[in-house]
């Protein structure tokens, strides 16, 4: 068993000469940093898959951890053409601007970590100036029915990372509030989720000085993760 695990590890890290290169080495772009998260589903209609986090050292990518992942209730779709409210997870390569949570940051977290309070909202109202932004309190131009009151998602937002989908220059109607967060009861409304223990491990691992990104996609086809 030990030999089999070792051989698998060598293949994944690209050090085994007869195995495929590690997944990050197959991507069109990894964001230029030395940390990367890949979230891969078997097919566009899948609601489950695998999330893996990677370190780049001495010119090679090494797997640092892995966990089962959940995606949108309606699967995955191309991020550049996604429509808000479709319960789909956007594919693509994205930055991870900051972390947040209802619970305190896990010991060892180096990311900027914002604590959720009862005044914390994420605005998803297309008519609001605060579209796709954290707001405290909810602004007058953001309808409560078009926003997430973050504190009410006790399990999911115990710990989370903001995924910079439609974030820098938000396109109205494309979608808002896409996060990497802890699991709830099932599929997500468009986010990526992992078990609570894995989310805590990710926050202890992620180092903003190493510019981590997340690549979301499918195993193959038009939304293959290797395209991003």
Protein backbone atom coordinates (compact mmCIF):
# COMPACT_ATOMS: atom_id res chain seq x y z
CA UNK A 1 0.00 0.00 0.00
CA UNK A 2 2.82 2.40 0.86
CA UNK A 3 4.50 1.73 -2.49
CA UNK A 4 1.26 2.35 -4.38
CA UNK A 5 0.71 5.67 -2.59
CA UNK A 6 4.26 6.76 -3.24
CA UNK A 7 3.99 5.93 -6.92
CA UNK A 8 0.74 7.90 -7.17
CA UNK A 9 2.35 10.88 -5.51
CA UNK A 10 5.27 10.82 -7.91
CA UNK A 11 2.93 10.78 -10.89
CA UNK A 12 0.93 13.71 -9.52
CA UNK A 13 3.98 15.84 -8.90
CA UNK A 14 5.45 15.17 -12.33
CA UNK A 15 8.55 13.47 -10.94
CA UNK A 16 7.59 10.03 -12.26
CA UNK A 17 8.85 10.01 -15.87
CA UNK A 18 6.08 7.79 -17.27
CA UNK A 19 3.08 9.53 -15.72
CA UNK A 20 1.17 12.63 -16.85
CA UNK A 21 2.31 16.06 -15.66
CA UNK A 22 0.46 17.46 -12.63
CA UNK A 23 -2.78 19.24 -13.44
CA UNK A 24 -1.47 22.81 -12.95
CA UNK A 25 1.21 22.12 -15.58
CA UNK A 26 -1.59 21.31 -18.05
CA UNK A 27 -3.49 24.58 -17.54
CA UNK A 28 -3.27 27.42 -20.04
CA UNK A 29 -2.65 29.83 -17.14
CA UNK A 30 -2.21 29.50 -13.38
CA UNK A 31 -2.26 33.19 -12.48
CA UNK A 32 1.49 33.59 -12.08
CA UNK A 33 1.67 32.66 -8.41
CA UNK A 34 3.20 29.71 -6.62
CA UNK A 35 -0.08 28.44 -5.13
CA UNK A 36 -3.11 27.22 -7.03
CA UNK A 37 -6.48 25.62 -6.26
CA UNK A 38 -8.17 23.45 -8.88
CA UNK A 39 -11.89 22.62 -8.62
CA UNK A 40 -12.79 19.98 -11.20
CA UNK A 41 -16.13 18.36 -12.00
CA UNK A 42 -16.57 15.30 -14.26
CA UNK A 43 -19.02 17.11 -16.60
CA UNK A 44 -20.91 20.43 -16.90
CA UNK A 45 -24.02 18.95 -15.28
CA UNK A 46 -22.15 17.58 -12.27
CA UNK A 47 -22.81 18.89 -8.78
CA UNK A 48 -19.82 17.16 -7.20
CA UNK A 49 -16.14 16.80 -8.04
CA UNK A 50 -12.70 17.31 -6.54
CA UNK A 51 -10.84 20.29 -5.16
CA UNK A 52 -7.05 20.14 -4.92
CA UNK A 53 -4.56 22.71 -3.71
CA UNK A 54 -1.04 22.90 -5.09
CA UNK A 55 2.35 24.43 -4.29
CA UNK A 56 4.98 25.33 -6.87
CA UNK A 57 8.53 24.76 -5.67
CA UNK A 58 11.76 24.60 -7.67
CA UNK A 59 9.81 24.77 -10.94
CA UNK A 60 7.46 21.87 -10.14
CA UNK A 61 3.86 21.66 -8.89
CA UNK A 62 3.23 19.50 -5.84
CA UNK A 63 -0.15 18.47 -4.45
CA UNK A 64 -0.61 19.94 -0.97
CA UNK A 65 -4.10 18.61 -0.24
CA UNK A 66 -7.38 17.46 -1.71
CA UNK A 67 -11.05 17.19 -0.74
CA UNK A 68 -14.44 16.38 -2.27
CA UNK A 69 -16.12 19.47 -3.72
CA UNK A 70 -19.68 20.54 -4.40
CA UNK A 71 -20.80 22.84 -7.20
CA UNK A 72 -23.99 24.61 -8.27
CA UNK A 73 -27.31 22.78 -8.23
CA UNK A 74 -27.41 23.15 -12.03
CA UNK A 75 -23.76 22.26 -12.58
CA UNK A 76 -21.10 24.45 -14.16
CA UNK A 77 -21.14 26.97 -17.00
CA UNK A 78 -18.68 29.21 -18.82
CA UNK A 79 -17.98 32.12 -16.51
CA UNK A 80 -17.72 34.70 -19.30
CA UNK A 81 -21.33 34.12 -20.35
CA UNK A 82 -22.96 33.02 -17.09
CA UNK A 83 -26.38 34.40 -16.19
CA UNK A 84 -27.21 35.40 -12.61
CA UNK A 85 -29.75 33.29 -10.76
CA UNK A 86 -29.09 30.08 -12.71
CA UNK A 87 -27.54 28.16 -9.78
CA UNK A 88 -24.48 27.39 -11.89
CA UNK A 89 -20.82 27.58 -10.89
CA UNK A 90 -18.77 29.80 -13.23
CA UNK A 91 -15.76 28.15 -14.84
CA UNK A 92 -12.53 30.07 -15.27
CA UNK A 93 -9.40 31.23 -13.46
CA UNK A 94 -9.97 33.68 -10.61
CA UNK A 95 -8.09 35.56 -7.92
CA UNK A 96 -8.97 35.14 -4.24
CA UNK A 97 -9.08 38.68 -2.80
CA UNK A 98 -9.74 37.94 0.89
CA UNK A 99 -11.18 35.49 3.37
CA UNK A 100 -14.12 35.87 5.71
CA UNK A 101 -16.16 33.94 8.20
CA UNK A 102 -18.66 33.83 11.00
CA UNK A 103 -16.15 31.84 13.05
CA UNK A 104 -12.71 33.19 13.97
CA UNK A 105 -9.91 32.65 11.48
CA UNK A 106 -8.16 29.30 11.97
CA UNK A 107 -4.81 29.58 13.72
CA UNK A 108 -2.11 30.21 11.14
CA UNK A 109 -4.32 32.07 8.65
CA UNK A 110 -2.28 34.73 6.83
CA UNK A 111 -5.00 35.97 4.49
CA UNK A 112 -6.85 39.16 5.35
CA UNK A 113 -9.84 37.77 7.23
CA UNK A 114 -13.07 39.67 7.66
CA UNK A 115 -15.42 38.64 10.46
CA UNK A 116 -19.13 38.43 9.66
CA UNK A 117 -21.50 40.37 11.93
CA UNK A 118 -25.25 40.89 11.89
CA UNK A 119 -24.58 44.01 9.77
CA UNK A 120 -22.74 42.08 7.02
CA UNK A 121 -24.44 41.70 3.63
CA UNK A 122 -23.36 40.73 0.12
CA UNK A 123 -25.29 42.82 -2.38
CA UNK A 124 -26.55 41.05 -5.52
CA UNK A 125 -28.97 43.75 -6.64
CA UNK A 126 -28.18 44.70 -10.24
CA UNK A 127 -29.54 48.20 -9.66
CA UNK A 128 -27.27 48.91 -6.70
CA UNK A 129 -23.96 50.75 -6.68
CA UNK A 130 -22.79 48.03 -4.26
CA UNK A 131 -23.45 45.18 -6.71
CA UNK A 132 -21.23 42.18 -5.97
CA UNK A 133 -19.71 43.74 -2.87
CA UNK A 134 -19.68 43.21 0.89
CA UNK A 135 -21.63 46.01 2.56
CA UNK A 136 -22.14 47.06 6.19
CA UNK A 137 -24.92 47.93 6.66
CA UNK A 138 -27.13 47.13 3.67
CA UNK A 139 -27.32 50.30 1.55
CA UNK A 140 -30.65 51.85 0.70
CA UNK A 141 -30.28 51.07 -3.02
CA UNK A 142 -29.78 47.31 -2.41
CA UNK A 143 -33.04 45.44 -1.86
CA UNK A 144 -32.85 42.93 1.03
CA UNK A 145 -34.38 40.29 -1.23
CA UNK A 146 -31.49 40.80 -3.65
CA UNK A 147 -28.73 40.39 -1.06
CA UNK A 148 -27.30 37.69 1.20
CA UNK A 149 -27.37 38.37 4.92
CA UNK A 150 -24.09 36.56 5.54
CA UNK A 151 -24.63 35.76 9.20
CA UNK A 152 -27.67 33.59 8.38
CA UNK A 153 -25.48 31.03 6.57
CA UNK A 154 -23.99 29.64 9.76
CA UNK A 155 -22.51 26.45 8.27
CA UNK A 156 -21.51 27.64 4.82
CA UNK A 157 -19.90 30.90 5.89
CA UNK A 158 -18.19 29.64 9.00
CA UNK A 159 -15.10 30.05 6.81
CA UNK A 160 -14.86 31.21 3.19
CA UNK A 161 -12.68 32.77 0.51
CA UNK A 162 -14.04 35.34 -1.94
CA UNK A 163 -13.72 34.18 -5.56
CA UNK A 164 -13.14 37.20 -7.80
CA UNK A 165 -15.72 36.18 -10.40
CA UNK A 166 -17.31 39.27 -12.00
CA UNK A 167 -15.57 41.26 -9.29
CA UNK A 168 -13.12 43.85 -10.63
CA UNK A 169 -15.48 45.31 -13.25
CA UNK A 170 -18.85 43.74 -12.46
CA UNK A 171 -21.15 43.04 -15.40
CA UNK A 172 -24.76 43.42 -14.32
CA UNK A 173 -26.72 40.22 -14.66
CA UNK A 174 -23.68 37.95 -14.74
CA UNK A 175 -23.67 37.00 -11.09
CA UNK A 176 -22.52 37.99 -7.63
CA UNK A 177 -21.42 36.38 -4.41
CA UNK A 178 -19.33 33.46 -5.64
CA UNK A 179 -17.24 31.99 -2.83
CA UNK A 180 -15.20 28.96 -1.85
CA UNK A 181 -16.86 28.02 1.42
CA UNK A 182 -17.69 25.21 3.82
CA UNK A 183 -20.32 22.64 2.92
CA UNK A 184 -24.00 23.13 3.62
CA UNK A 185 -26.67 20.50 3.11
CA UNK A 186 -26.04 19.81 -0.59
CA UNK A 187 -25.24 21.49 -3.88
CA UNK A 188 -24.61 25.23 -3.87
CA UNK A 189 -26.29 28.18 -5.58
CA UNK A 190 -23.16 28.65 -7.70
CA UNK A 191 -20.28 28.61 -5.22
CA UNK A 192 -17.73 25.85 -4.64
CA UNK A 193 -17.87 24.16 -1.24
CA UNK A 194 -15.74 21.65 0.63
CA UNK A 195 -15.99 19.95 4.04
CA UNK A 196 -15.41 22.22 7.04
CA UNK A 197 -12.11 20.57 7.95
CA UNK A 198 -10.80 21.06 4.42
CA UNK A 199 -11.84 24.73 4.44
CA UNK A 200 -9.88 25.32 7.62
CA UNK A 201 -6.85 23.56 6.11
CA UNK A 202 -7.11 25.76 3.02
CA UNK A 203 -7.10 28.94 5.08
CA UNK A 204 -4.02 27.84 7.00
CA UNK A 205 -2.30 26.93 3.70
CA UNK A 206 -3.21 29.91 1.51
CA UNK A 207 -0.55 32.64 1.51
CA UNK A 208 -1.45 35.95 -0.19
CA UNK A 209 2.24 36.63 -0.78
CA UNK A 210 2.23 33.64 -3.14
CA UNK A 211 -0.76 34.95 -5.13
CA UNK A 212 -3.02 31.91 -5.10
CA UNK A 213 -5.77 31.58 -7.72
CA UNK A 214 -8.60 29.12 -8.22
CA UNK A 215 -9.21 27.35 -11.53
CA UNK A 216 -12.73 25.94 -11.90
CA UNK A 217 -13.72 23.65 -14.73
CA UNK A 218 -14.61 20.22 -16.01
CA UNK A 219 -12.43 17.26 -16.89
CA UNK A 220 -12.79 17.91 -20.63
CA UNK A 221 -14.91 19.68 -23.25
CA UNK A 222 -15.52 23.42 -23.77
CA UNK A 223 -15.34 24.12 -20.00
CA UNK A 224 -12.29 21.93 -19.36
CA UNK A 225 -10.18 23.28 -16.52
CA UNK A 226 -7.09 23.03 -18.71
CA UNK A 227 -8.47 25.83 -20.93
CA UNK A 228 -8.09 28.42 -18.19
